[in-house]
Amino acid sequence: MRVLHYFLMLSLVPHLTVSFSPYGILRNASIKLPFDLNNDTGYTIETASCNQCLCHAAHNPVVAIFTCTRHEMSNFTCQMYYFIPKRDEIEYQNYDTDLYLMRTNSTFEEKDDCCNTTMLIEEITKALQNTSISTEKFLTLSEGENNTILAVTSCNDPKDNALLSFNRFTGQSISMEHTSSLISAGYYKERYYFGTTAKDIGVYARNMTPNLGRVGIGVEIRTIRFLKKTQKMLAGASTSGIYLCDIVPNSGTLTNCITIPNIAPEKELHAIGVLQDEMAFYVGWNAVGQDIHLYRWQPNDTWVTDASGKIGHSAPTTDLVVDNCQRIWAVEPRSDRIRIYHRNSTLLGEMNVTGTNLFNLMIMENYTIFITHESSDGLRAIRPSLNCRPVP
């Protein structure tokens, strides 16, 4: 974690309390946190003046900083914090609030610029040790409900494949569901979507029963992703490309499934990376020489390839992820490498995440990365020590 040191005397007006304890004031500033406070992190008091809050804080050594907000009825609310917030969490030009620093020898940590790809790769590489969660062989990854991730096992006989769920924060295994001939899985709005060797997609409720419906596709579905803004499901097929289905509101069943024109017939399409804000998605194939292509929605309700978005990536690709910085992460299973591209197709960097038979990738908050391997390296969680600055 990089730390930015400030000379507090330059930005904070020094004062003495009645007990002669130094403090600093930052006028017209407040604090905005990306999480809710609880009893372990601070508390709120109502007073008749900021001075009363100051006296209260001066006699409570646990308080590191507090804000005092003026209200129309001449009363004040003070939010006490037991910790020093990050520099990026201080908001200026809030004319109703002042910020009081009780620990004048403290430093503000600056959040990490995670859009700096070089720094990001360095931090991820430092965290490659002790990452194992499970040694099962796995295929696809997807987000589940209640802060879980879902992973489909890869058995010698697909009839033995299972869906495992894990806590995304602790890595603890939560449940295992045996679904006959499972190949791929997705979760969206309290519904599970399973692709199977029966060449269909099944829809299930949260408790996995009953089966709410099946859609015959005629090919094996290798990956499932969602266009969340329009309630559509994307599915990558083993030989015939990309399927797009409407998700029926409330029931979650699938309808109006169509095939999007395929660039690489007879190739396995494993990788779909969605641009959620643009009605567009990248695709990649588990085959040599196919590159990465961008599909974009058209006003006449068709999908076409956008030549300007093509990325010259000739290696086999089993997953694509578009991160908050609009970078495209491409998983190369045969080299166990991840390459990171700018949207203009420039290669920004690459890293070998160790292990063998790398398959799927998921990027979570602060670039915690989950990866699956179709080998005994199984499921891994890479947790770099990052606190990412919000992307504008």
Protein backbone atom coordinates (compact mmCIF):
# COMPACT_ATOMS: atom_id res chain seq x y z
CA MET A 1 0.00 0.00 0.00
CA ARG A 2 1.41 3.40 -0.95
CA VAL A 3 1.15 6.11 1.72
CA LEU A 4 0.93 9.82 0.95
CA HIS A 5 2.26 12.00 3.78
CA TYR A 6 0.82 15.46 4.35
CA PHE A 7 2.18 18.23 6.50
CA LEU A 8 -0.97 18.80 8.46
CA MET A 9 0.01 22.36 9.33
CA LEU A 10 -0.40 23.24 5.64
CA SER A 11 -3.94 21.93 5.29
CA LEU A 12 -5.28 22.02 8.84
CA VAL A 13 -5.56 25.01 11.14
CA PRO A 14 -3.81 24.11 14.46
CA HIS A 15 -5.63 24.73 17.75
CA LEU A 16 -5.40 23.87 21.43
CA THR A 17 -8.32 22.41 23.39
CA VAL A 18 -9.16 23.44 26.91
CA SER A 19 -6.95 20.56 28.09
CA PHE A 20 -4.12 21.85 25.87
CA SER A 21 -4.29 18.87 23.52
CA PRO A 22 -3.48 19.93 19.95
CA TYR A 23 -5.98 19.33 17.18
CA GLY A 24 -6.56 20.50 13.63
CA ILE A 25 -9.58 21.79 11.73
CA LEU A 26 -10.31 21.35 8.06
CA ARG A 27 -13.11 23.76 7.17
CA ASN A 28 -15.95 22.84 4.78
CA ALA A 29 -14.91 19.20 4.54
CA SER A 30 -16.67 15.93 5.27
CA ILE A 31 -15.98 12.20 5.01
CA LYS A 32 -17.61 9.78 2.56
CA LEU A 33 -16.90 6.10 3.18
CA PRO A 34 -17.60 3.11 0.89
CA PHE A 35 -19.03 1.15 3.85
CA ASP A 36 -21.39 1.65 6.80
CA LEU A 37 -20.07 2.42 10.27
CA ASN A 38 -20.79 0.19 13.24
CA ASN A 39 -20.00 0.26 16.96
CA ASP A 40 -16.46 -0.91 16.27
CA THR A 41 -15.62 1.98 13.97
CA GLY A 42 -17.39 5.04 15.46
CA TYR A 43 -20.53 6.63 16.84
CA THR A 44 -22.76 9.72 16.50
CA ILE A 45 -23.75 12.37 19.04
CA GLU A 46 -26.13 15.35 18.90
CA THR A 47 -24.95 18.58 20.59
CA ALA A 48 -25.56 22.32 20.77
CA SER A 49 -22.15 23.24 19.31
CA CYS A 50 -19.01 21.86 17.71
CA ASN A 51 -17.09 22.89 20.82
CA GLN A 52 -19.07 20.41 22.87
CA CYS A 53 -18.09 17.67 20.43
CA LEU A 54 -14.48 18.82 20.64
CA CYS A 55 -14.49 18.53 24.43
CA HIS A 56 -16.09 15.12 24.16
CA ALA A 57 -13.48 13.91 21.67
CA ALA A 58 -10.59 15.38 23.66
CA HIS A 59 -11.58 13.20 26.61
CA ASN A 60 -11.98 10.05 24.53
CA PRO A 61 -8.56 8.84 23.35
CA VAL A 62 -10.14 6.33 20.95
CA VAL A 63 -11.50 9.10 18.70
CA ALA A 64 -9.07 9.81 15.86
CA ILE A 65 -11.13 12.28 13.86
CA PHE A 66 -14.69 13.63 13.78
CA THR A 67 -16.98 15.76 11.65
CA CYS A 68 -19.34 18.41 12.95
CA THR A 69 -22.38 19.25 10.81
CA ARG A 70 -24.57 22.33 11.35
CA HIS A 71 -28.36 22.05 10.98
CA GLU A 72 -31.02 24.70 10.35
CA MET A 73 -32.36 24.57 13.92
CA SER A 74 -28.96 25.57 15.37
CA ASN A 75 -28.16 22.08 16.53
CA PHE A 76 -25.16 19.99 15.48
CA THR A 77 -24.44 16.35 14.66
CA CYS A 78 -20.96 14.97 15.24
CA GLN A 79 -19.74 11.72 13.74
CA MET A 80 -16.85 10.24 15.69
CA TYR A 81 -14.36 7.91 13.95
CA TYR A 82 -11.94 5.53 15.60
CA PHE A 83 -9.69 5.52 12.51
CA ILE A 84 -8.15 7.92 10.02
CA PRO A 85 -9.96 7.75 6.65
CA LYS A 86 -8.18 7.52 3.34
CA ARG A 87 -7.21 10.77 1.63
CA ASP A 88 -9.67 10.05 -1.20
CA GLU A 89 -12.54 9.70 1.28
CA ILE A 90 -12.35 13.35 2.36
CA GLU A 91 -14.85 15.51 0.47
CA TYR A 92 -14.33 19.24 0.14
CA GLN A 93 -16.69 22.20 -0.35
CA ASN A 94 -19.23 20.83 2.10
CA TYR A 95 -20.18 24.16 3.64
CA ASP A 96 -22.24 22.70 6.51
CA THR A 97 -19.49 20.48 7.91
CA ASP A 98 -16.03 20.87 9.43
CA LEU A 99 -13.54 18.09 10.05
CA TYR A 100 -11.58 17.87 13.33
CA LEU A 101 -8.37 15.84 13.49
CA MET A 102 -7.52 14.71 17.02
CA ARG A 103 -4.33 12.83 16.10
CA THR A 104 -2.25 15.58 14.52
CA ASN A 105 0.78 13.32 14.02
CA SER A 106 -1.22 10.93 11.81
CA THR A 107 -0.82 10.49 8.07
CA PHE A 108 -3.50 10.01 5.45
CA GLU A 109 -3.15 6.98 3.24
CA GLU A 110 -3.90 7.64 -0.39
CA LYS A 111 -5.96 5.02 -2.19
CA ASP A 112 -4.22 3.01 -4.84
CA ASP A 113 -4.49 3.94 -8.49
CA CYS A 114 -5.49 0.47 -9.63
CA CYS A 115 -5.79 1.70 -13.22
CA ASN A 116 -1.98 1.79 -13.19
CA THR A 117 -1.47 -1.63 -14.77
CA THR A 118 2.23 -1.92 -13.94
CA MET A 119 1.62 -1.28 -10.24
CA LEU A 120 -1.40 -3.58 -10.25
CA ILE A 121 0.51 -6.52 -11.73
CA GLU A 122 3.33 -6.00 -9.20
CA GLU A 123 0.89 -6.13 -6.28
CA ILE A 124 -0.94 -9.18 -7.63
CA THR A 125 2.36 -10.98 -8.22
CA LYS A 126 3.37 -10.35 -4.59
CA ALA A 127 0.21 -12.14 -3.45
CA LEU A 128 0.61 -15.39 -5.42
CA GLN A 129 1.61 -17.49 -2.42
CA ASN A 130 -0.88 -19.43 -0.24
CA THR A 131 -3.82 -18.89 -2.57
CA SER A 132 -5.41 -22.37 -2.64
CA ILE A 133 -9.09 -22.74 -1.75
CA SER A 134 -9.86 -26.16 -3.25
CA THR A 135 -7.89 -28.79 -5.14
CA GLU A 136 -10.88 -30.02 -7.16
CA LYS A 137 -10.53 -29.63 -10.93
CA PHE A 138 -12.78 -26.77 -12.03
CA LEU A 139 -14.28 -25.28 -15.15
CA THR A 140 -16.43 -22.15 -15.07
CA LEU A 141 -16.75 -19.48 -12.40
CA SER A 142 -19.66 -17.13 -11.74
CA GLU A 143 -21.04 -14.90 -9.02
CA GLY A 144 -23.67 -16.42 -6.72
CA GLU A 145 -26.09 -15.08 -4.15
CA ASN A 146 -25.22 -13.62 -0.74
CA ASN A 147 -21.53 -12.94 -1.42
CA THR A 148 -20.77 -16.36 -2.85
CA ILE A 149 -18.96 -17.55 -5.94
CA LEU A 150 -19.97 -20.62 -7.94
CA ALA A 151 -17.58 -23.09 -9.53
CA VAL A 152 -18.34 -26.12 -11.71
CA THR A 153 -16.13 -29.17 -11.16
CA SER A 154 -14.44 -30.97 -14.05
CA CYS A 155 -14.67 -34.74 -13.61
CA ASN A 156 -13.54 -37.45 -16.02
CA ASP A 157 -17.20 -38.32 -16.50
CA PRO A 158 -19.34 -35.14 -16.85
CA LYS A 159 -22.19 -37.01 -15.14
CA ASP A 160 -20.22 -36.62 -11.91
CA ASN A 161 -19.73 -32.83 -12.24
CA ALA A 162 -21.05 -30.71 -9.38
CA LEU A 163 -21.71 -27.08 -8.53
CA LEU A 164 -19.77 -25.82 -5.50
CA SER A 165 -20.32 -22.49 -3.76
CA PHE A 166 -17.74 -20.63 -1.68
CA ASN A 167 -17.76 -17.55 0.52
CA ARG A 168 -16.07 -14.84 -1.55
CA PHE A 169 -14.43 -13.23 1.51
CA THR A 170 -13.18 -16.27 3.44
CA GLY A 171 -12.99 -18.92 0.70
CA GLN A 172 -14.96 -21.30 2.92
CA SER A 173 -16.89 -24.03 1.08
CA ILE A 174 -20.63 -23.56 1.63
CA SER A 175 -22.47 -26.16 -0.42
CA MET A 176 -22.27 -28.77 -3.16
CA GLU A 177 -25.05 -29.54 -5.59
CA HIS A 178 -24.89 -32.53 -7.93
CA THR A 179 -26.58 -31.68 -11.21
CA SER A 180 -26.43 -34.33 -13.88
CA SER A 181 -23.97 -33.63 -16.69
CA LEU A 182 -23.32 -30.02 -15.63
CA ILE A 183 -20.82 -28.06 -17.76
CA SER A 184 -21.47 -24.37 -17.01
CA ALA A 185 -23.46 -22.27 -14.54
CA GLY A 186 -24.65 -18.72 -13.97
CA TYR A 187 -26.75 -16.89 -11.38
CA TYR A 188 -29.00 -13.88 -11.95
CA LYS A 189 -31.84 -12.44 -9.85
CA GLU A 190 -32.46 -15.50 -7.66
CA ARG A 191 -32.25 -17.97 -10.54
CA TYR A 192 -29.60 -20.52 -11.46
CA TYR A 193 -28.85 -21.28 -15.11
CA PHE A 194 -27.13 -24.57 -15.95
CA GLY A 195 -25.63 -25.68 -19.25
CA THR A 196 -25.38 -29.48 -19.56
CA THR A 197 -24.12 -32.22 -21.83
CA ALA A 198 -27.80 -32.76 -22.76
CA LYS A 199 -27.29 -29.66 -24.92
CA ASP A 200 -29.80 -27.50 -23.11
CA ILE A 201 -29.99 -24.76 -20.46
CA GLY A 202 -31.98 -25.46 -17.30
CA VAL A 203 -33.43 -22.75 -15.03
CA TYR A 204 -33.70 -23.42 -11.30
CA ALA A 205 -35.00 -21.57 -8.25
CA ARG A 206 -32.72 -20.61 -5.37
CA ASN A 207 -33.24 -23.93 -3.61
CA MET A 208 -32.31 -25.72 -6.88
CA THR A 209 -35.83 -27.14 -7.23
CA PRO A 210 -38.08 -27.25 -9.06
CA ASN A 211 -36.69 -27.04 -12.55
CA LEU A 212 -38.46 -23.92 -13.85
CA GLY A 213 -37.83 -24.70 -17.48
CA ARG A 214 -35.38 -25.94 -20.09
CA VAL A 215 -34.35 -24.53 -23.42
CA GLY A 216 -32.97 -26.93 -25.98
CA ILE A 217 -29.93 -25.41 -27.66
CA GLY A 218 -28.62 -28.40 -29.60
CA VAL A 219 -25.00 -27.81 -28.53
CA GLU A 220 -23.09 -27.86 -25.25
CA ILE A 221 -23.01 -24.48 -23.51
CA ARG A 222 -19.52 -23.68 -22.24
CA THR A 223 -20.06 -20.33 -20.57
CA ILE A 224 -22.99 -18.22 -19.31
CA ARG A 225 -22.94 -14.45 -18.84
CA PHE A 226 -25.61 -11.74 -18.45
CA LEU A 227 -26.38 -8.37 -20.04
CA LYS A 228 -27.86 -7.01 -16.86
CA LYS A 229 -29.25 -3.73 -18.19
CA THR A 230 -31.53 -5.54 -20.63
CA GLN A 231 -32.18 -8.81 -18.79
CA LYS A 232 -30.57 -10.98 -21.43
CA MET A 233 -28.40 -14.05 -21.11
CA LEU A 234 -25.37 -14.76 -23.28
CA ALA A 235 -24.18 -18.31 -23.76
CA GLY A 236 -21.02 -19.52 -25.46
CA ALA A 237 -21.40 -22.82 -27.30
CA SER A 238 -18.97 -25.62 -28.07
CA THR A 239 -19.24 -25.44 -31.87
CA SER A 240 -21.84 -22.93 -33.06
CA GLY A 241 -20.93 -19.68 -31.40
CA ILE A 242 -23.06 -17.34 -29.32
CA TYR A 243 -26.64 -17.62 -28.12
CA LEU A 244 -28.68 -14.70 -26.78
CA CYS A 245 -31.87 -15.30 -24.76
CA ASP A 246 -34.38 -12.96 -23.12
CA ILE A 247 -34.97 -13.51 -19.40
CA VAL A 248 -38.68 -13.39 -18.56
CA PRO A 249 -39.30 -10.99 -15.62
CA ASN A 250 -40.37 -12.63 -12.33
CA SER A 251 -40.13 -16.24 -13.54
CA GLY A 252 -36.55 -16.00 -14.80
CA THR A 253 -37.23 -18.48 -17.58
CA LEU A 254 -35.67 -18.07 -21.02
CA THR A 255 -37.37 -17.13 -24.25
CA ASN A 256 -36.58 -15.78 -27.74
CA CYS A 257 -33.20 -17.49 -27.92
CA ILE A 258 -31.32 -16.55 -31.08
CA THR A 259 -27.91 -17.27 -32.54
CA ILE A 260 -25.57 -14.33 -33.09
CA PRO A 261 -23.51 -14.66 -36.30
CA ASN A 262 -20.34 -16.51 -35.46
CA ILE A 263 -16.87 -15.54 -36.63
CA ALA A 264 -15.21 -18.87 -35.88
CA PRO A 265 -17.48 -21.82 -36.78
CA GLU A 266 -16.69 -25.18 -35.20
CA LYS A 267 -14.51 -23.58 -32.51
CA GLU A 268 -15.18 -23.72 -28.75
CA LEU A 269 -16.38 -20.35 -27.49
CA HIS A 270 -15.46 -20.22 -23.81
CA ALA A 271 -14.78 -16.53 -23.26
CA ILE A 272 -17.34 -13.71 -23.04
CA GLY A 273 -16.42 -10.37 -21.45
CA VAL A 274 -19.38 -8.01 -21.05
CA LEU A 275 -19.28 -4.20 -21.32
CA GLN A 276 -22.33 -3.63 -19.13
CA ASP A 277 -22.70 0.10 -19.83
CA GLU A 278 -22.43 -0.14 -23.60
CA MET A 279 -24.56 -3.08 -24.75
CA ALA A 280 -21.46 -4.76 -26.09
CA PHE A 281 -19.29 -7.77 -25.31
CA TYR A 282 -15.95 -9.31 -26.23
CA VAL A 283 -15.58 -12.95 -27.25
CA GLY A 284 -12.66 -15.36 -27.47
CA TRP A 285 -12.26 -18.98 -28.56
CA ASN A 286 -10.30 -21.88 -27.14
CA ALA A 287 -8.41 -22.16 -30.41
CA VAL A 288 -5.26 -20.77 -31.98
CA GLY A 289 -5.38 -17.74 -34.27
CA GLN A 290 -8.91 -16.42 -33.62
CA ASP A 291 -8.12 -13.09 -31.88
CA ILE A 292 -10.59 -11.32 -29.58
CA HIS A 293 -13.62 -9.70 -31.21
CA LEU A 294 -16.11 -7.08 -30.04
CA TYR A 295 -19.85 -7.47 -30.68
CA ARG A 296 -22.06 -4.39 -30.40
CA TRP A 297 -25.86 -3.98 -30.36
CA GLN A 298 -27.47 -2.04 -33.23
CA PRO A 299 -30.68 0.05 -33.17
CA ASN A 300 -32.39 -2.51 -35.44
CA ASP A 301 -31.95 -5.04 -32.60
CA THR A 302 -29.11 -6.96 -34.23
CA TRP A 303 -25.57 -7.64 -33.07
CA VAL A 304 -22.58 -7.05 -35.32
CA THR A 305 -18.83 -7.17 -34.88
CA ASP A 306 -17.08 -3.85 -34.37
CA ALA A 307 -13.81 -3.97 -36.28
CA SER A 308 -12.37 -1.10 -34.23
CA GLY A 309 -12.60 -3.28 -31.12
CA LYS A 310 -10.69 -6.27 -32.47
CA ILE A 311 -7.70 -7.27 -30.31
CA GLY A 312 -4.83 -9.16 -31.90
CA HIS A 313 -4.66 -12.04 -29.44
CA SER A 314 -3.96 -15.27 -31.32
CA ALA A 315 -3.59 -17.58 -28.32
CA PRO A 316 -6.42 -19.87 -27.16
CA THR A 317 -8.66 -18.01 -24.71
CA THR A 318 -10.93 -19.52 -22.04
CA ASP A 319 -12.14 -16.37 -20.30
CA LEU A 320 -12.41 -12.62 -20.77
CA VAL A 321 -13.13 -10.03 -18.08
CA VAL A 322 -13.60 -6.27 -18.53
CA ASP A 323 -12.57 -4.45 -15.33
CA ASN A 324 -13.59 -1.05 -13.92
CA CYS A 325 -10.73 0.62 -15.81
CA GLN A 326 -12.12 -0.77 -19.08
CA ARG A 327 -9.17 -3.11 -19.52
CA ILE A 328 -9.70 -6.53 -21.08
CA TRP A 329 -8.20 -9.49 -19.19
CA ALA A 330 -7.62 -12.54 -21.40
CA VAL A 331 -6.99 -15.99 -19.89
CA GLU A 332 -4.59 -18.24 -21.83
CA PRO A 333 -5.04 -21.84 -20.62
CA ARG A 334 -2.06 -23.42 -22.34
CA SER A 335 0.51 -20.92 -21.10
CA ASP A 336 -1.21 -20.34 -17.70
CA ARG A 337 -0.92 -16.64 -18.38
CA ILE A 338 -3.23 -13.64 -18.19
CA ARG A 339 -2.76 -10.81 -20.66
CA ILE A 340 -4.24 -7.36 -20.06
CA TYR A 341 -5.23 -5.14 -22.99
CA HIS A 342 -6.34 -1.56 -23.45
CA ARG A 343 -9.53 -1.18 -25.47
CA ASN A 344 -7.44 0.16 -28.34
CA SER A 345 -5.84 -3.36 -28.43
CA THR A 346 -2.54 -2.23 -26.85
CA LEU A 347 -1.02 -4.90 -24.62
CA LEU A 348 -0.64 -3.25 -21.19
CA GLY A 349 0.97 -6.17 -19.39
CA GLU A 350 0.87 -9.86 -18.65
CA MET A 351 1.48 -12.19 -15.73
CA ASN A 352 1.93 -15.86 -15.06
CA VAL A 353 -0.27 -16.77 -12.10
CA THR A 354 1.51 -20.15 -11.63
CA GLY A 355 -0.29 -23.48 -11.54
CA THR A 356 -1.37 -25.51 -14.56
CA ASN A 357 -4.41 -25.67 -16.86
CA LEU A 358 -5.67 -22.19 -16.01
CA PHE A 359 -9.31 -21.83 -17.06
CA ASN A 360 -11.56 -19.08 -15.61
CA LEU A 361 -11.10 -15.70 -13.94
CA MET A 362 -13.20 -13.47 -11.71
CA ILE A 363 -12.21 -9.99 -10.47
CA MET A 364 -13.75 -8.73 -7.23
CA GLU A 365 -13.36 -5.62 -5.05
CA ASN A 366 -9.84 -4.20 -4.78
CA TYR A 367 -8.68 -6.74 -7.37
CA THR A 368 -9.13 -9.83 -5.30
CA ILE A 369 -8.91 -12.41 -8.08
CA PHE A 370 -10.46 -15.87 -8.18
CA ILE A 371 -9.12 -18.30 -10.77
CA THR A 372 -9.94 -21.90 -11.63
CA HIS A 373 -7.65 -24.57 -12.99
CA GLU A 374 -8.67 -27.74 -14.77
CA SER A 375 -6.03 -29.48 -12.63
CA SER A 376 -5.29 -30.13 -8.96
CA ASP A 377 -4.46 -26.42 -8.60
CA GLY A 378 -8.24 -26.12 -8.42
CA LEU A 379 -9.75 -22.87 -7.16
CA ARG A 380 -7.50 -20.10 -5.93
CA ALA A 381 -7.98 -16.63 -4.46
CA ILE A 382 -5.27 -14.00 -5.00
CA ARG A 383 -5.73 -11.15 -2.53
CA PRO A 384 -3.34 -8.23 -3.18
CA SER A 385 -2.99 -5.55 -0.54
CA LEU A 386 -4.85 -2.82 -2.41
CA ASN A 387 -7.39 -0.16 -1.59
CA CYS A 388 -8.49 1.08 -4.99
CA ARG A 389 -9.39 4.65 -5.78
CA PRO A 390 -12.88 4.88 -7.33
CA VAL A 391 -12.83 5.16 -11.11
CA PRO A 392 -14.33 8.50 -12.29
